Amino acid sequence: MKRIFKNIPLYIGILSTLLAFSCKPEIEGIPTTAGEADFSKYIAVGNSLTAGFADGGLYLEGQQVAFPNLISEQLRQVGGGNFRSPFFSENERNGSGYLHLKDLVNGQPVMENVTDHLAYRQEGKLTKYTDDIENLGVPGMRLDLSTQDWFGGLNMYFERLLPDSDVGSKTYVQFATEKNHTFFSFWLGNNDVLGYAMNGAVTNPGDPTTVLTQTATFEQVYRDFIGALTTNERKGVVATIPDVTAIPFFTTVTREALIAAVKAESGQDIQDIYIETGAGTAKAASDNDLFVLPFASAGLLGSTSAENPLPYGLHPDHPVESKYVLDSDEVTTIQARVKAFNGIIEEVAKEEGLALANAHAYLNRVKNPGIVYNGVAVNASFITGNAFSLDGVHLTPIGNALIANLFIEAINKQYGSRIPKVDASKYRGVKFP
């Protein structure tokens, strides 16, 4: 017998989303100036957030509203030059494929994969784009792997940007520092924590993207990378790393929601969900333990098998596997590592005279209590919060616009610039069916 409690509540309402389209923007009229910076050749160094990855994939619409592209549009008013991105063609506009919200059934989101107009030249390899670009964002890029020449053959997004002769022989650091830029944005380091956290703090042998980067490694590579970008007194803006608890990937599937699902479907008056800790023991989950978003659709809760007839997650001898949950000790470890990394980022920014965008503090504010932009409510709630896309990690178009403004504020403060902000109310949150 196999019993599965599939209906883990992810109930959503549409009022806050509709509100986003009923508000008039607040336009700021300010004289523009570049201040002490030269924006004639701006490059953006980073990972999936820089590339415009959203909804679990890289596709044309997401690329077009990536925060560096929005920044570059504003920089044109203060001497910014051409800013090119490796856009997918219209015929291959859905890129790697992505999730879209197909329906709402009794308040439950139904999502499906977009599988047409993809950009694969063969399995696991995207259509090449090797023209000159300034948006250098590579989904999956980690600081610790940015110095490894073999990573170009492992990561299909980086492989797409490299001529065949450079695959396996050119590092991301080399790729990013050969552009003869005058100004840069730099947002790397997220994946040095996130890959480990999204895998439930489980490191998979042979998969370097699931490793938690050591602090000494992070500092050495960060300092060297920034050192290369700031040669000849070039200026830039760097950003801190968000707290994992600030994104819906880790905050949507709660202990309370899991218990409610079991009670609703079975009528059982259960009090506990059991999890496997990082130490390999089982315990009753607390509200400080974080379940990953994919557990909501995994269909495992309450399941039995011939190997283990006890209901999955409902008995201490058949707990939720560690890969689906960050226990409270793992959360503490990850937050401490993020704090250490951000201390390094802040120190380097101060030493090099760089602008600092505090994404960690900002996204924590988006989470709680949330913000209001020209009447638009923005928070970290899954789907209805406007800030995060359907993968629970990456930004919506309005989320990208707000992050662009965070970077612009930092640039203006550091360099005496007067760069107009993006009108974020022109951009959507999650697209409803």
Protein backbone atom coordinates (compact mmCIF):
# COMPACT_ATOMS: atom_id res chain seq x y z
CA MET A 1 0.00 0.00 0.00
CA LYS A 2 1.23 3.47 -0.86
CA ARG A 3 -0.37 6.58 0.55
CA ILE A 4 0.85 10.00 -0.55
CA PHE A 5 -0.33 13.36 0.73
CA LYS A 6 0.08 15.47 -2.40
CA ASN A 7 -1.95 18.50 -1.43
CA ILE A 8 0.70 20.46 0.45
CA PRO A 9 -0.95 23.87 0.76
CA LEU A 10 0.56 26.55 -1.45
CA TYR A 11 -2.64 28.56 -1.49
CA ILE A 12 -2.34 31.85 -3.29
CA GLY A 13 -4.53 34.88 -3.80
CA ILE A 14 -4.45 37.26 -6.74
CA LEU A 15 -5.33 40.58 -5.08
CA SER A 16 -1.75 41.69 -4.49
CA THR A 17 -0.77 40.77 -8.03
CA LEU A 18 -3.66 42.71 -9.53
CA LEU A 19 -2.66 45.67 -7.39
CA ALA A 20 0.66 45.82 -9.19
CA PHE A 21 -1.08 46.94 -12.35
CA SER A 22 -3.33 49.56 -10.78
CA CYS A 23 -0.67 51.96 -9.48
CA LYS A 24 0.79 55.02 -11.14
CA PRO A 25 4.58 55.38 -11.10
CA GLU A 26 6.30 58.09 -9.15
CA ILE A 27 8.60 59.91 -11.54
CA GLU A 28 11.69 61.60 -10.16
CA GLY A 29 12.92 64.62 -12.09
CA ILE A 30 16.63 65.07 -11.37
CA PRO A 31 19.54 66.49 -13.36
CA THR A 32 21.77 63.64 -14.53
CA THR A 33 25.54 63.39 -14.20
CA ALA A 34 28.12 60.60 -14.26
CA GLY A 35 29.92 62.07 -11.27
CA GLU A 36 33.35 60.52 -10.80
CA ALA A 37 32.64 57.39 -12.86
CA ASP A 38 33.11 56.60 -16.54
CA PHE A 39 30.21 54.47 -17.81
CA SER A 40 31.23 54.41 -21.47
CA LYS A 41 31.88 50.65 -21.31
CA TYR A 42 29.94 48.96 -18.55
CA ILE A 43 30.24 45.19 -18.06
CA ALA A 44 28.22 42.99 -15.69
CA VAL A 45 29.99 40.07 -14.01
CA GLY A 46 27.87 37.50 -12.24
CA ASN A 47 25.76 34.38 -12.25
CA SER A 48 22.14 33.55 -13.04
CA LEU A 49 20.79 36.74 -11.44
CA THR A 50 23.01 38.80 -13.74
CA ALA A 51 22.05 36.71 -16.79
CA GLY A 52 18.29 37.11 -16.22
CA PHE A 53 17.58 33.48 -15.32
CA ALA A 54 14.01 33.10 -14.02
CA ASP A 55 11.27 30.52 -13.54
CA GLY A 56 13.84 27.73 -13.51
CA GLY A 57 15.36 28.56 -16.90
CA LEU A 58 17.14 31.07 -19.12
CA TYR A 59 14.89 32.51 -21.81
CA LEU A 60 14.64 35.67 -23.88
CA GLU A 61 12.10 37.64 -21.84
CA GLY A 62 14.08 37.02 -18.67
CA GLN A 63 17.32 38.03 -20.38
CA GLN A 64 15.78 41.28 -21.58
CA VAL A 65 14.77 42.39 -18.08
CA ALA A 66 17.94 41.23 -16.29
CA PHE A 67 18.93 43.94 -13.83
CA PRO A 68 22.21 44.87 -15.66
CA ASN A 69 20.21 45.56 -18.84
CA LEU A 70 17.91 47.86 -16.87
CA ILE A 71 20.93 49.59 -15.33
CA SER A 72 22.53 50.05 -18.74
CA GLU A 73 19.40 51.78 -20.03
CA GLN A 74 19.71 54.33 -17.24
CA LEU A 75 23.46 54.73 -17.79
CA ARG A 76 22.82 55.93 -21.33
CA GLN A 77 21.61 59.17 -19.76
CA VAL A 78 25.05 59.73 -18.18
CA GLY A 79 27.37 58.68 -21.00
CA GLY A 80 26.84 54.93 -20.96
CA GLY A 81 27.72 53.12 -24.17
CA ASN A 82 26.47 50.03 -25.96
CA PHE A 83 25.51 47.15 -23.68
CA ARG A 84 25.07 43.84 -25.46
CA SER A 85 23.63 40.63 -24.07
CA PRO A 86 23.76 37.08 -25.47
CA PHE A 87 20.05 37.07 -26.28
CA PHE A 88 18.39 33.99 -27.68
CA SER A 89 16.86 34.52 -31.11
CA GLU A 90 13.11 34.95 -31.45
CA ASN A 91 12.82 31.46 -32.94
CA GLU A 92 14.69 30.05 -29.93
CA ARG A 93 13.16 32.48 -27.47
CA ASN A 94 12.42 29.90 -24.78
CA GLY A 95 16.10 29.08 -24.41
CA SER A 96 16.72 26.29 -21.95
CA GLY A 97 13.00 25.96 -21.19
CA TYR A 98 11.31 27.26 -18.09
CA LEU A 99 8.24 26.95 -15.86
CA HIS A 100 5.02 28.82 -16.37
CA LEU A 101 1.89 29.03 -14.27
CA LYS A 102 -0.69 27.02 -16.19
CA ASP A 103 -3.65 27.17 -13.85
CA LEU A 104 -4.97 27.76 -10.35
CA VAL A 105 -7.03 24.88 -8.99
CA ASN A 106 -8.71 25.57 -5.66
CA GLY A 107 -5.99 28.05 -4.86
CA GLN A 108 -3.22 25.64 -5.79
CA PRO A 109 -0.71 26.60 -8.50
CA VAL A 110 -0.36 24.20 -11.42
CA MET A 111 2.91 24.65 -13.28
CA GLU A 112 4.28 23.08 -16.43
CA ASN A 113 7.49 23.21 -18.44
CA VAL A 114 7.66 25.27 -21.60
CA THR A 115 9.16 22.96 -24.23
CA ASP A 116 8.74 24.74 -27.57
CA HIS A 117 11.13 27.18 -29.28
CA LEU A 118 14.09 25.89 -27.27
CA ALA A 119 17.73 26.72 -28.06
CA TYR A 120 19.51 23.36 -27.90
CA ARG A 121 21.86 22.49 -30.72
CA GLN A 122 22.20 19.04 -29.17
CA GLU A 123 21.37 17.46 -25.82
CA GLY A 124 22.91 19.47 -23.00
CA LYS A 125 24.37 22.12 -25.33
CA LEU A 126 22.75 25.43 -26.18
CA THR A 127 23.08 27.34 -29.44
CA LYS A 128 26.41 29.15 -29.44
CA TYR A 129 26.66 32.92 -28.96
CA THR A 130 30.23 34.13 -29.36
CA ASP A 131 29.77 37.75 -30.47
CA ASP A 132 31.00 40.56 -28.22
CA ILE A 133 28.87 41.07 -25.12
CA GLU A 134 28.89 43.18 -21.97
CA ASN A 135 26.40 41.16 -19.92
CA LEU A 136 28.70 38.35 -18.81
CA GLY A 137 26.27 36.62 -16.44
CA VAL A 138 26.55 32.83 -16.42
CA PRO A 139 23.89 30.81 -14.60
CA GLY A 140 25.50 28.44 -12.12
CA MET A 141 28.78 30.38 -11.94
CA ARG A 142 30.47 30.14 -8.55
CA LEU A 143 33.37 32.17 -7.29
CA ASP A 144 35.37 29.05 -6.42
CA LEU A 145 34.87 27.66 -9.94
CA SER A 146 35.57 30.93 -11.76
CA THR A 147 39.28 30.08 -11.80
CA GLN A 148 38.80 26.56 -13.20
CA ASP A 149 39.27 26.19 -16.95
CA TRP A 150 37.36 22.88 -17.09
CA PHE A 151 34.13 24.54 -15.90
CA GLY A 152 33.41 25.79 -19.42
CA GLY A 153 32.85 22.20 -20.48
CA LEU A 154 30.64 21.41 -17.50
CA ASN A 155 28.34 24.43 -17.54
CA MET A 156 26.24 24.69 -20.71
CA TYR A 157 25.56 28.41 -20.21
CA PHE A 158 29.27 29.23 -20.09
CA GLU A 159 30.04 26.78 -22.92
CA ARG A 160 27.51 28.66 -25.05
CA LEU A 161 29.56 31.86 -24.78
CA LEU A 162 32.94 30.34 -25.59
CA PRO A 163 34.43 29.51 -28.98
CA ASP A 164 35.09 25.78 -29.19
CA SER A 165 38.83 26.44 -28.90
CA ASP A 166 38.30 28.07 -25.47
CA VAL A 167 36.09 25.40 -23.96
CA GLY A 168 38.16 23.65 -21.32
CA SER A 169 41.02 26.14 -21.58
CA LYS A 170 39.59 29.53 -20.55
CA THR A 171 38.44 30.41 -17.04
CA TYR A 172 35.55 32.71 -16.23
CA VAL A 173 37.99 35.16 -14.64
CA GLN A 174 39.88 35.36 -17.93
CA PHE A 175 36.64 35.67 -19.88
CA ALA A 176 35.39 38.53 -17.69
CA THR A 177 38.58 40.55 -17.44
CA GLU A 178 39.46 40.82 -21.12
CA LYS A 179 36.73 43.30 -22.10
CA ASN A 180 38.64 46.58 -21.66
CA HIS A 181 35.80 47.98 -19.56
CA THR A 182 35.53 51.33 -17.79
CA PHE A 183 32.95 50.31 -15.17
CA PHE A 184 31.66 46.99 -13.81
CA SER A 185 29.01 45.45 -11.62
CA PHE A 186 29.97 42.31 -9.73
CA TRP A 187 27.52 39.93 -8.06
CA LEU A 188 29.18 36.58 -7.52
CA GLY A 189 29.31 34.36 -4.45
CA ASN A 190 25.63 33.48 -4.12
CA ASN A 191 26.08 30.02 -5.60
CA ASP A 192 29.04 29.30 -3.33
CA VAL A 193 26.38 28.97 -0.63
CA LEU A 194 23.17 28.41 -2.56
CA GLY A 195 24.19 25.24 -4.39
CA TYR A 196 24.90 23.57 -1.07
CA ALA A 197 21.77 24.94 0.60
CA MET A 198 19.40 24.01 -2.23
CA ASN A 199 20.64 20.43 -1.99
CA GLY A 200 19.68 20.30 1.67
CA ALA A 201 23.29 20.79 2.76
CA VAL A 202 24.16 17.48 1.11
CA THR A 203 27.34 17.46 -0.96
CA ASN A 204 27.10 15.11 -3.92
CA PRO A 205 30.37 13.37 -4.81
CA GLY A 206 31.55 14.50 -8.21
CA ASP A 207 29.29 17.57 -8.28
CA PRO A 208 31.32 20.66 -7.34
CA THR A 209 28.23 22.88 -7.46
CA THR A 210 26.90 21.30 -4.23
CA VAL A 211 29.98 22.18 -2.16
CA LEU A 212 29.97 24.94 0.47
CA THR A 213 32.96 27.11 -0.44
CA GLN A 214 35.60 27.58 2.24
CA THR A 215 36.00 31.13 3.53
CA ALA A 216 39.73 31.28 2.76
CA THR A 217 39.10 30.20 -0.84
CA PHE A 218 36.31 32.73 -1.22
CA GLU A 219 38.48 35.58 0.05
CA GLN A 220 41.47 34.73 -2.13
CA VAL A 221 39.46 34.42 -5.33
CA TYR A 222 37.29 37.44 -4.55
CA ARG A 223 40.28 39.69 -3.91
CA ASP A 224 42.11 38.48 -7.01
CA PHE A 225 39.03 38.86 -9.24
CA ILE A 226 38.25 42.38 -8.01
CA GLY A 227 41.93 43.24 -8.27
CA ALA A 228 41.89 42.31 -11.95
CA LEU A 229 38.70 44.29 -12.61
CA THR A 230 39.96 47.44 -10.88
CA THR A 231 43.31 47.75 -12.66
CA ASN A 232 44.02 51.22 -14.04
CA GLU A 233 41.74 52.68 -11.33
CA ARG A 234 38.57 51.39 -12.95
CA LYS A 235 35.44 51.74 -10.85
CA GLY A 236 32.52 49.47 -10.13
CA VAL A 237 29.77 48.28 -7.82
CA VAL A 238 29.68 45.01 -5.89
CA ALA A 239 26.79 43.35 -4.05
CA THR A 240 26.46 41.26 -0.93
CA ILE A 241 25.02 37.74 -0.78
CA PRO A 242 21.39 37.25 0.28
CA ASP A 243 20.31 35.25 3.32
CA VAL A 244 18.89 31.85 2.29
CA THR A 245 15.89 32.47 4.53
CA ALA A 246 14.99 35.53 2.45
CA ILE A 247 13.90 33.53 -0.61
CA PRO A 248 10.70 31.49 -1.03
CA PHE A 249 12.62 28.37 -2.08
CA PHE A 250 13.26 27.82 1.63
CA THR A 251 10.28 29.52 3.26
CA THR A 252 7.20 28.30 1.35
CA VAL A 253 6.92 24.66 2.42
CA THR A 254 6.59 24.93 6.17
CA ARG A 255 6.15 22.37 8.92
CA GLU A 256 2.70 23.83 9.54
CA ALA A 257 1.72 23.43 5.87
CA LEU A 258 2.89 19.81 5.80
CA ILE A 259 0.91 18.92 8.91
CA ALA A 260 -2.17 20.69 7.52
CA ALA A 261 -1.89 18.65 4.30
CA VAL A 262 -1.90 15.37 6.20
CA LYS A 263 -4.79 16.39 8.42
CA ALA A 264 -6.85 17.62 5.45
CA GLU A 265 -6.43 14.43 3.41
CA SER A 266 -6.42 11.76 6.09
CA GLY A 267 -8.15 13.21 9.08
CA GLN A 268 -5.20 12.10 11.22
CA ASP A 269 -4.45 14.38 14.13
CA ILE A 270 -0.68 14.31 13.66
CA GLN A 271 1.61 16.73 15.44
CA ASP A 272 5.02 16.07 13.91
CA ILE A 273 6.91 15.74 10.64
CA TYR A 274 10.14 13.79 11.02
CA ILE A 275 13.31 14.79 9.21
CA GLU A 276 16.80 13.41 8.73
CA THR A 277 19.36 15.83 10.13
CA GLY A 278 22.75 16.58 8.68
CA ALA A 279 24.20 14.36 11.40
CA GLY A 280 22.23 11.42 10.02
CA THR A 281 19.78 11.15 12.90
CA ALA A 282 16.00 11.62 12.84
CA LYS A 283 14.09 14.25 14.76
CA ALA A 284 10.74 15.98 14.80
CA ALA A 285 10.96 19.08 12.63
CA SER A 286 10.71 22.49 14.24
CA ASP A 287 9.69 25.79 12.71
CA ASN A 288 13.42 26.59 12.40
CA ASP A 289 13.98 23.75 9.93
CA LEU A 290 13.57 24.76 6.27
CA PHE A 291 12.03 22.46 3.66
CA VAL A 292 13.04 23.08 0.04
CA LEU A 293 10.35 24.14 -2.41
CA PRO A 294 10.51 20.99 -4.63
CA PHE A 295 9.35 18.88 -1.67
CA ALA A 296 5.86 20.33 -2.21
CA SER A 297 5.53 18.50 -5.53
CA ALA A 298 7.71 15.46 -4.84
CA GLY A 299 4.71 13.36 -3.79
CA LEU A 300 6.65 11.67 -1.00
CA LEU A 301 4.89 12.69 2.18
CA GLY A 302 3.12 9.69 3.67
CA SER A 303 4.33 7.27 1.00
CA THR A 304 5.26 3.67 1.79
CA SER A 305 7.21 1.01 -0.07
CA ALA A 306 8.16 -2.61 0.17
CA GLU A 307 11.53 -1.51 1.56
CA ASN A 308 9.94 0.67 4.23
CA PRO A 309 6.22 0.26 4.98
CA LEU A 310 6.25 3.17 7.44
CA PRO A 311 4.74 6.44 6.12
CA TYR A 312 7.43 8.74 4.76
CA GLY A 313 8.00 11.75 6.98
CA LEU A 314 5.39 10.69 9.50
CA HIS A 315 7.48 8.20 11.46
CA PRO A 316 10.95 8.68 12.97
CA ASP A 317 12.12 5.50 11.23
CA HIS A 318 11.17 6.88 7.81
CA PRO A 319 12.07 10.59 7.96
CA VAL A 320 12.16 13.18 5.19
CA GLU A 321 15.59 12.83 3.59
CA SER A 322 18.23 15.40 4.37
CA LYS A 323 18.35 16.60 0.76
CA TYR A 324 14.82 18.00 1.14
CA VAL A 325 15.41 20.00 4.31
CA LEU A 326 17.89 22.26 6.02
CA ASP A 327 17.84 21.48 9.71
CA SER A 328 18.32 24.36 12.13
CA ASP A 329 22.01 23.57 12.66
CA GLU A 330 22.61 23.61 8.91
CA VAL A 331 20.76 26.93 8.61
CA THR A 332 23.03 28.36 11.32
CA THR A 333 26.15 27.11 9.51
CA ILE A 334 25.02 28.56 6.19
CA GLN A 335 24.08 31.92 7.67
CA ALA A 336 27.46 32.12 9.40
CA ARG A 337 29.21 31.44 6.08
CA VAL A 338 27.11 34.10 4.34
CA LYS A 339 28.05 36.56 7.09
CA ALA A 340 31.74 35.74 6.64
CA PHE A 341 31.50 36.13 2.84
CA ASN A 342 29.66 39.44 3.15
CA GLY A 343 32.29 40.70 5.58
CA ILE A 344 34.92 40.03 2.91
CA ILE A 345 32.82 41.74 0.22
CA GLU A 346 32.29 44.81 2.37
CA GLU A 347 35.98 44.99 3.29
CA VAL A 348 37.16 44.71 -0.31
CA ALA A 349 34.63 47.30 -1.46
CA LYS A 350 35.93 49.74 1.16
CA GLU A 351 39.58 49.07 0.35
CA GLU A 352 39.05 49.51 -3.39
CA GLY A 353 36.67 52.47 -3.14
CA LEU A 354 33.84 50.57 -4.80
CA ALA A 355 30.12 51.13 -4.49
CA LEU A 356 28.37 48.53 -2.33
CA ALA A 357 24.82 47.31 -2.97
CA ASN A 358 23.65 45.60 0.21
CA ALA A 359 21.41 42.93 -1.33
CA HIS A 360 21.48 40.93 1.91
CA ALA A 361 19.83 43.70 3.93
CA TYR A 362 17.50 44.70 1.11
CA LEU A 363 16.10 41.22 0.45
CA ASN A 364 15.62 40.65 4.17
CA ARG A 365 13.54 43.81 4.15
CA VAL A 366 11.59 42.52 1.14
CA LYS A 367 10.89 39.35 3.13
CA ASN A 368 9.80 41.09 6.30
CA PRO A 369 7.97 43.41 6.46
CA GLY A 370 7.98 43.77 2.66
CA ILE A 371 8.10 47.01 0.73
CA VAL A 372 5.68 49.13 -1.24
CA TYR A 373 6.82 50.67 -4.51
CA ASN A 374 4.46 53.34 -5.85
CA GLY A 375 1.57 51.47 -4.28
CA VAL A 376 2.77 48.04 -5.38
CA ALA A 377 3.20 45.55 -2.54
CA VAL A 378 6.42 43.54 -2.95
CA ASN A 379 7.47 40.75 -0.61
CA ALA A 380 9.02 37.29 -0.62
CA SER A 381 5.78 35.29 -0.65
CA PHE A 382 5.79 32.56 -3.29
CA ILE A 383 3.95 33.67 -6.46
CA THR A 384 1.92 36.50 -4.88
CA GLY A 385 4.85 38.44 -3.46
CA ASN A 386 5.88 39.88 -6.87
CA ALA A 387 9.62 39.74 -6.13
CA PHE A 388 10.53 36.13 -6.96
CA SER A 389 9.79 33.99 -9.98
CA LEU A 390 8.30 30.49 -10.06
CA ASP A 391 11.55 28.78 -9.05
CA GLY A 392 11.50 30.57 -5.71
CA VAL A 393 15.09 31.78 -6.15
CA HIS A 394 15.37 34.14 -9.09
CA LEU A 395 13.73 37.49 -9.67
CA THR A 396 10.64 38.54 -11.55
CA PRO A 397 10.85 41.53 -13.91
CA ILE A 398 9.77 43.92 -11.12
CA GLY A 399 12.24 42.19 -8.80
CA ASN A 400 15.00 42.87 -11.32
CA ALA A 401 13.93 46.51 -11.61
CA LEU A 402 14.09 46.99 -7.84
CA ILE A 403 17.53 45.36 -7.64
CA ALA A 404 18.68 47.59 -10.50
CA ASN A 405 17.61 50.56 -8.39
CA LEU A 406 19.52 49.20 -5.40
CA PHE A 407 22.68 49.13 -7.55
CA ILE A 408 21.98 52.60 -8.93
CA GLU A 409 21.52 54.01 -5.42
CA ALA A 410 24.88 52.55 -4.40
CA ILE A 411 26.62 53.96 -7.49
CA ASN A 412 25.13 57.41 -6.95
CA LYS A 413 26.18 57.42 -3.31
CA GLN A 414 29.76 56.32 -3.95
CA TYR A 415 30.61 58.32 -7.06
CA GLY A 416 28.45 61.43 -6.76
CA SER A 417 26.53 60.32 -9.82
CA ARG A 418 22.95 61.26 -10.58
CA ILE A 419 21.65 58.28 -12.47
CA PRO A 420 17.84 58.16 -12.70
CA LYS A 421 16.21 55.10 -11.21
CA VAL A 422 14.22 52.54 -13.15
CA ASP A 423 10.43 52.95 -13.07
CA ALA A 424 9.82 49.52 -11.57
CA SER A 425 6.04 49.82 -11.84
CA LYS A 426 6.39 49.19 -15.59
CA TYR A 427 7.46 45.61 -14.88
CA ARG A 428 5.36 42.63 -13.87
CA GLY A 429 5.57 40.10 -11.09
CA VAL A 430 4.63 36.47 -11.71
CA LYS A 431 2.53 36.08 -14.86
CA PHE A 432 -0.87 34.63 -14.00
CA PRO A 433 -2.80 32.34 -16.36
